[in-house]
C-alpha atoms as a PDB file:
ATOM      1  CA  MET A   1       0.061   0.416   0.275  1.00  0.00           C
ATOM      2  CA  SER A   2       1.246   3.793  -0.240  1.00  0.00           C
ATOM      3  CA  ALA A   3       0.470   6.462   1.550  1.00  0.00           C
ATOM      4  CA  SER A   4      -2.101   7.387  -0.773  1.00  0.00           C
ATOM      5  CA  GLU A   5      -3.612   4.075  -0.478  1.00  0.00           C
ATOM      6  CA  ILE A   6      -3.056   4.205   3.718  1.00  0.00           C
ATOM      7  CA  GLU A   7      -5.029   7.425   3.955  1.00  0.00           C
ATOM      8  CA  ARG A   8      -8.021   6.322   1.529  1.00  0.00           C
ATOM      9  CA  THR A   9      -8.221   3.429   4.296  1.00  0.00           C
ATOM     10  CA  LEU A  10      -8.289   5.556   7.006  1.00  0.00           C
ATOM     11  CA  VAL A  11     -10.963   7.731   5.795  1.00  0.00           C
ATOM     12  CA  ARG A  12     -13.005   4.947   5.077  1.00  0.00           C
ATOM     13  CA  LEU A  13     -12.941   3.195   8.332  1.00  0.00           C
ATOM     14  CA  ALA A  14     -13.205   6.641  10.397  1.00  0.00           C
ATOM     15  CA  HIS A  15     -16.849   6.857   8.384  1.00  0.00           C
ATOM     16  CA  GLU A  16     -17.274   2.955   9.115  1.00  0.00           C
ATOM     17  CA  ILE A  17     -16.562   3.948  13.332  1.00  0.00           C
ATOM     18  CA  VAL A  18     -19.424   6.573  13.107  1.00  0.00           C
ATOM     19  CA  GLU A  19     -21.800   4.949  11.139  1.00  0.00           C
ATOM     20  CA  LYS A  20     -21.690   2.095  13.047  1.00  0.00           C
ATOM     21  CA  ASN A  21     -21.624   3.409  16.793  1.00  0.00           C
ATOM     22  CA  ASP A  22     -24.549   6.220  15.746  1.00  0.00           C
ATOM     23  CA  GLY A  23     -22.054   9.253  15.881  1.00  0.00           C
ATOM     24  CA  SER A  24     -18.502   8.913  17.792  1.00  0.00           C
ATOM     25  CA  ASP A  25     -20.240  10.682  21.601  1.00  0.00           C
ATOM     26  CA  ASN A  26     -19.473   7.441  24.071  1.00  0.00           C
ATOM     27  CA  VAL A  27     -16.434   6.130  21.649  1.00  0.00           C
ATOM     28  CA  GLY A  28     -13.051   5.843  22.688  1.00  0.00           C
ATOM     29  CA  LEU A  29     -10.151   4.909  20.542  1.00  0.00           C
ATOM     30  CA  VAL A  30      -7.322   3.418  21.967  1.00  0.00           C
ATOM     31  CA  GLY A  31      -3.841   2.564  19.679  1.00  0.00           C
ATOM     32  CA  ILE A  32      -1.681  -0.341  20.734  1.00  0.00           C
ATOM     33  CA  LYS A  33       2.033   0.897  21.053  1.00  0.00           C
ATOM     34  CA  ARG A  34       3.806   1.307  18.589  1.00  0.00           C
ATOM     35  CA  ARG A  35       1.592   1.582  15.489  1.00  0.00           C
ATOM     36  CA  GLY A  36      -1.635   1.008  16.674  1.00  0.00           C
ATOM     37  CA  VAL A  37      -1.153   4.334  18.223  1.00  0.00           C
ATOM     38  CA  PRO A  38      -0.694   6.682  15.293  1.00  0.00           C
ATOM     39  CA  LEU A  39      -3.221   4.943  13.567  1.00  0.00           C
ATOM     40  CA  ALA A  40      -5.644   5.633  16.307  1.00  0.00           C
ATOM     41  CA  GLN A  41      -4.845   8.943  16.684  1.00  0.00           C
ATOM     42  CA  ARG A  42      -5.129   9.739  12.618  1.00  0.00           C
ATOM     43  CA  ILE A  43      -8.674   8.281  12.816  1.00  0.00           C
ATOM     44  CA  ALA A  44      -9.294  10.208  15.971  1.00  0.00           C
ATOM     45  CA  GLY A  45      -8.769  13.406  13.419  1.00  0.00           C
ATOM     46  CA  LEU A  46     -10.906  12.223  10.843  1.00  0.00           C
ATOM     47  CA  ILE A  47     -13.776  11.396  12.927  1.00  0.00           C
ATOM     48  CA  GLU A  48     -13.361  15.147  14.647  1.00  0.00           C
ATOM     49  CA  LYS A  49     -13.847  16.371  10.852  1.00  0.00           C
ATOM     50  CA  ILE A  50     -16.373  14.393  10.245  1.00  0.00           C
ATOM     51  CA  GLU A  51     -18.540  14.898  13.953  1.00  0.00           C
ATOM     52  CA  LYS A  52     -17.320  18.011  14.516  1.00  0.00           C
ATOM     53  CA  HIS A  53     -15.575  17.474  18.549  1.00  0.00           C
ATOM     54  CA  PRO A  54     -12.878  15.624  19.397  1.00  0.00           C
ATOM     55  CA  VAL A  55     -13.059  11.564  20.477  1.00  0.00           C
ATOM     56  CA  ASP A  56     -10.782  10.675  23.291  1.00  0.00           C
ATOM     57  CA  THR A  57      -7.407   8.642  22.482  1.00  0.00           C
ATOM     58  CA  GLY A  58      -5.677   6.545  24.421  1.00  0.00           C
ATOM     59  CA  VAL A  59      -2.751   4.526  24.433  1.00  0.00           C
ATOM     60  CA  LEU A  60      -1.436   1.144  25.555  1.00  0.00           C
ATOM     61  CA  ASP A  61       1.825  -0.313  26.167  1.00  0.00           C
ATOM     62  CA  ILE A  62       2.126  -3.909  25.687  1.00  0.00           C
ATOM     63  CA  SER A  63       5.785  -5.322  25.157  1.00  0.00           C
ATOM     64  CA  PHE A  64       7.108  -8.883  23.530  1.00  0.00           C
ATOM     65  CA  TYR A  65       9.371 -10.776  25.095  1.00  0.00           C
ATOM     66  CA  ARG A  66      10.198 -14.364  23.762  1.00  0.00           C
ATOM     67  CA  ASP A  67      13.025 -15.413  26.069  1.00  0.00           C
ATOM     68  CA  ASP A  68      13.127 -18.925  26.976  1.00  0.00           C
ATOM     69  CA  LEU A  69       9.736 -20.609  25.766  1.00  0.00           C
ATOM     70  CA  SER A  70      10.098 -23.321  28.338  1.00  0.00           C
ATOM     71  CA  THR A  71       9.561 -20.919  31.229  1.00  0.00           C
ATOM     72  CA  ASN A  72       7.848 -18.256  29.776  1.00  0.00           C
ATOM     73  CA  GLY A  73       6.526 -18.906  26.664  1.00  0.00           C
ATOM     74  CA  PRO A  74       6.199 -17.380  23.110  1.00  0.00           C
ATOM     75  CA  ARG A  75       3.561 -14.632  24.526  1.00  0.00           C
ATOM     76  CA  PRO A  76       2.953 -10.999  24.914  1.00  0.00           C
ATOM     77  CA  VAL A  77       3.886  -8.900  27.891  1.00  0.00           C
ATOM     78  CA  VAL A  78       1.396  -6.587  29.013  1.00  0.00           C
ATOM     79  CA  THR A  79       3.012  -2.658  30.862  1.00  0.00           C
ATOM     80  CA  PRO A  80       0.571  -1.529  33.265  1.00  0.00           C
ATOM     81  CA  GLY A  81       0.202   2.079  32.570  1.00  0.00           C
ATOM     82  CA  ALA A  82      -2.369   4.973  32.077  1.00  0.00           C
ATOM     83  CA  ILE A  83      -4.709   4.727  29.089  1.00  0.00           C
ATOM     84  CA  GLY A  84      -5.279   8.646  29.310  1.00  0.00           C
ATOM     85  CA  PHE A  85      -9.047   8.707  29.655  1.00  0.00           C
ATOM     86  CA  ASP A  86     -11.746   6.371  31.804  1.00  0.00           C
ATOM     87  CA  VAL A  87     -13.018   3.376  29.869  1.00  0.00           C
ATOM     88  CA  ASN A  88     -16.074   2.777  31.844  1.00  0.00           C
ATOM     89  CA  GLY A  89     -18.936   2.017  30.383  1.00  0.00           C
ATOM     90  CA  ARG A  90     -17.237   3.369  26.440  1.00  0.00           C
ATOM     91  CA  ASP A  91     -17.386   1.914  22.854  1.00  0.00           C
ATOM     92  CA  ILE A  92     -13.668   1.482  23.183  1.00  0.00           C
ATOM     93  CA  ILE A  93     -12.370   0.319  19.426  1.00  0.00           C
ATOM     94  CA  LEU A  94      -8.697  -1.206  19.449  1.00  0.00           C
ATOM     95  CA  MET A  95      -6.241  -0.008  17.651  1.00  0.00           C
ATOM     96  CA  ASP A  96      -3.280  -2.672  15.714  1.00  0.00           C
ATOM     97  CA  ASP A  97      -1.302  -2.316  12.561  1.00  0.00           C
ATOM     98  CA  VAL A  98      -1.434  -5.992  11.419  1.00  0.00           C
ATOM     99  CA  LEU A  99      -3.670  -8.909  12.704  1.00  0.00           C
ATOM    100  CA  TYR A 100      -1.869 -11.847  12.268  1.00  0.00           C
ATOM    101  CA  THR A 101      -2.302 -14.556  15.523  1.00  0.00           C
ATOM    102  CA  GLY A 102      -4.375 -12.912  17.850  1.00  0.00           C
ATOM    103  CA  ARG A 103      -2.039 -13.278  20.521  1.00  0.00           C
ATOM    104  CA  THR A 104      -1.357  -9.616  20.517  1.00  0.00           C
ATOM    105  CA  ILE A 105      -4.792  -8.697  21.078  1.00  0.00           C
ATOM    106  CA  ARG A 106      -5.964 -11.089  23.348  1.00  0.00           C
ATOM    107  CA  ALA A 107      -3.162  -9.296  26.315  1.00  0.00           C
ATOM    108  CA  ALA A 108      -4.142  -5.918  25.341  1.00  0.00           C
ATOM    109  CA  LEU A 109      -8.035  -7.362  25.842  1.00  0.00           C
ATOM    110  CA  ASP A 110      -6.360  -8.168  29.179  1.00  0.00           C
ATOM    111  CA  ALA A 111      -4.248  -4.799  30.251  1.00  0.00           C
ATOM    112  CA  LEU A 112      -7.886  -3.069  29.077  1.00  0.00           C
ATOM    113  CA  PHE A 113     -10.187  -4.724  31.017  1.00  0.00           C
ATOM    114  CA  ASP A 114      -7.302  -3.429  33.917  1.00  0.00           C
ATOM    115  CA  HIS A 115      -8.518  -0.293  33.715  1.00  0.00           C
ATOM    116  CA  GLY A 116     -12.303  -0.364  33.657  1.00  0.00           C
ATOM    117  CA  ARG A 117     -15.453  -2.179  31.882  1.00  0.00           C
ATOM    118  CA  PRO A 118     -16.125  -0.497  28.565  1.00  0.00           C
ATOM    119  CA  ARG A 119     -19.573  -1.453  27.447  1.00  0.00           C
ATOM    120  CA  SER A 120     -18.387  -2.797  24.399  1.00  0.00           C
ATOM    121  CA  VAL A 121     -14.770  -3.359  22.303  1.00  0.00           C
ATOM    122  CA  GLN A 122     -14.418  -3.635  18.569  1.00  0.00           C
ATOM    123  CA  LEU A 123     -11.152  -4.364  16.890  1.00  0.00           C
ATOM    124  CA  LEU A 124     -10.053  -1.798  13.889  1.00  0.00           C
ATOM    125  CA  VAL A 125      -6.684  -3.156  12.082  1.00  0.00           C
ATOM    126  CA  LEU A 126      -4.920  -1.865   9.045  1.00  0.00           C
ATOM    127  CA  ILE A 127      -3.936  -5.077   7.855  1.00  0.00           C
ATOM    128  CA  ASP A 128      -5.459  -8.572   8.273  1.00  0.00           C
ATOM    129  CA  ARG A 129      -3.241 -11.184   7.037  1.00  0.00           C
ATOM    130  CA  GLY A 130      -4.816 -14.635   8.567  1.00  0.00           C
ATOM    131  CA  HIS A 131      -3.429 -17.450  10.268  1.00  0.00           C
ATOM    132  CA  ARG A 132      -5.014 -16.987  13.605  1.00  0.00           C
ATOM    133  CA  GLU A 133      -4.044 -19.029  16.742  1.00  0.00           C
ATOM    134  CA  LEU A 134      -7.180 -17.499  18.328  1.00  0.00           C
ATOM    135  CA  PRO A 135     -10.835 -16.707  17.568  1.00  0.00           C
ATOM    136  CA  ILE A 136     -10.026 -12.949  17.535  1.00  0.00           C
ATOM    137  CA  GLU A 137     -11.552 -11.436  14.821  1.00  0.00           C
ATOM    138  CA  ALA A 138     -11.591  -7.670  12.950  1.00  0.00           C
ATOM    139  CA  THR A 139     -14.217  -5.310  13.377  1.00  0.00           C
ATOM    140  CA  TYR A 140     -12.994  -2.892  11.034  1.00  0.00           C
ATOM    141  CA  THR A 141     -10.121  -4.013   8.419  1.00  0.00           C
ATOM    142  CA  GLY A 142      -8.536  -2.190   5.986  1.00  0.00           C
ATOM    143  CA  ARG A 143      -7.351  -4.776   3.597  1.00  0.00           C
ATOM    144  CA  THR A 144      -6.618  -8.642   4.190  1.00  0.00           C
ATOM    145  CA  ILE A 145      -3.865  -9.649   2.559  1.00  0.00           C
ATOM    146  CA  PRO A 146      -3.959 -13.051   2.557  1.00  0.00           C
ATOM    147  CA  THR A 147       0.218 -14.794   3.365  1.00  0.00           C
ATOM    148  CA  SER A 148       2.111 -17.486   3.377  1.00  0.00           C
ATOM    149  CA  ARG A 149       3.619 -18.239   7.098  1.00  0.00           C
ATOM    150  CA  ARG A 150       6.946 -17.473   4.902  1.00  0.00           C
ATOM    151  CA  GLU A 151       6.005 -13.842   4.412  1.00  0.00           C
ATOM    152  CA  ILE A 152       5.678 -11.014   6.813  1.00  0.00           C
ATOM    153  CA  ILE A 153       3.613  -8.128   6.684  1.00  0.00           C
ATOM    154  CA  GLU A 154       5.827  -4.470   7.587  1.00  0.00           C
ATOM    155  CA  VAL A 155       3.616  -1.223   8.091  1.00  0.00           C
ATOM    156  CA  LYS A 156       5.951   2.018   7.619  1.00  0.00           C
ATOM    157  CA  LEU A 157       4.215   5.119   9.311  1.00  0.00           C
ATOM    158  CA  ASN A 158       5.653   8.767   9.404  1.00  0.00           C
ATOM    159  CA  GLU A 159       5.604   8.991  13.111  1.00  0.00           C
ATOM    160  CA  VAL A 160       7.216   6.145  13.830  1.00  0.00           C
ATOM    161  CA  ASP A 161       8.962   4.608  10.847  1.00  0.00           C
ATOM    162  CA  GLY A 162       9.380   8.200   8.715  1.00  0.00           C
ATOM    163  CA  GLN A 163       8.213   7.079   6.021  1.00  0.00           C
ATOM    164  CA  GLU A 164       4.475   5.554   4.795  1.00  0.00           C
ATOM    165  CA  GLN A 165       4.130   2.663   3.367  1.00  0.00           C
ATOM    166  CA  VAL A 166       2.888  -1.129   3.977  1.00  0.00           C
ATOM    167  CA  LEU A 167       4.781  -3.980   2.570  1.00  0.00           C
ATOM    168  CA  LEU A 168       4.995  -7.732   2.056  1.00  0.00           C
ATOM    169  CA  MET A 169       7.937  -9.709   1.784  1.00  0.00           C
ATOM    170  CA  GLU A 170       9.488 -13.134   2.065  1.00  0.00           C
ATOM    171  CA  LEU A 171      11.185 -14.282   4.698  1.00  0.00           C
ATOM    172  CA  VAL A 172      14.752 -15.879   3.291  1.00  0.00           C
ATOM    173  CA  ASP A 173      16.256 -18.669   5.445  1.00  0.00           C
END
């Protein structure tokens, strides 16, 4: 995806959020660090233009540790921290760049509920590449890109990487 394709996709997703939630009055956007955060901020700006009022936007910090598989296992470790607004009773849209196995989202849900009890949680991803290991499905998907396990999706965003594109790359042995 090029920068303009990413922008058009985010505009479409912002409109879908507003439509599905009958506006944005009760909506809160939560980006999963790292690349979910700029997605949440950009979509918040787009929704603000549509709805003519700001949308609460927060950050959920999840760090990966893939140490000794026999003791920890290959799972995300959630770092506690403030989201930035009260999630209780809100319609939360959890955002990430790529949905793959679902393990990051499962950990993010655990972290989110440590901060309170939202009315609902919806998931937005820029790219869904398949290969789920858990029964997790996105409510809003920018693009579905079927991949093999030998391929990776690399999302580059200006705010994090200084460039804007989505790449499909094959792993080399």
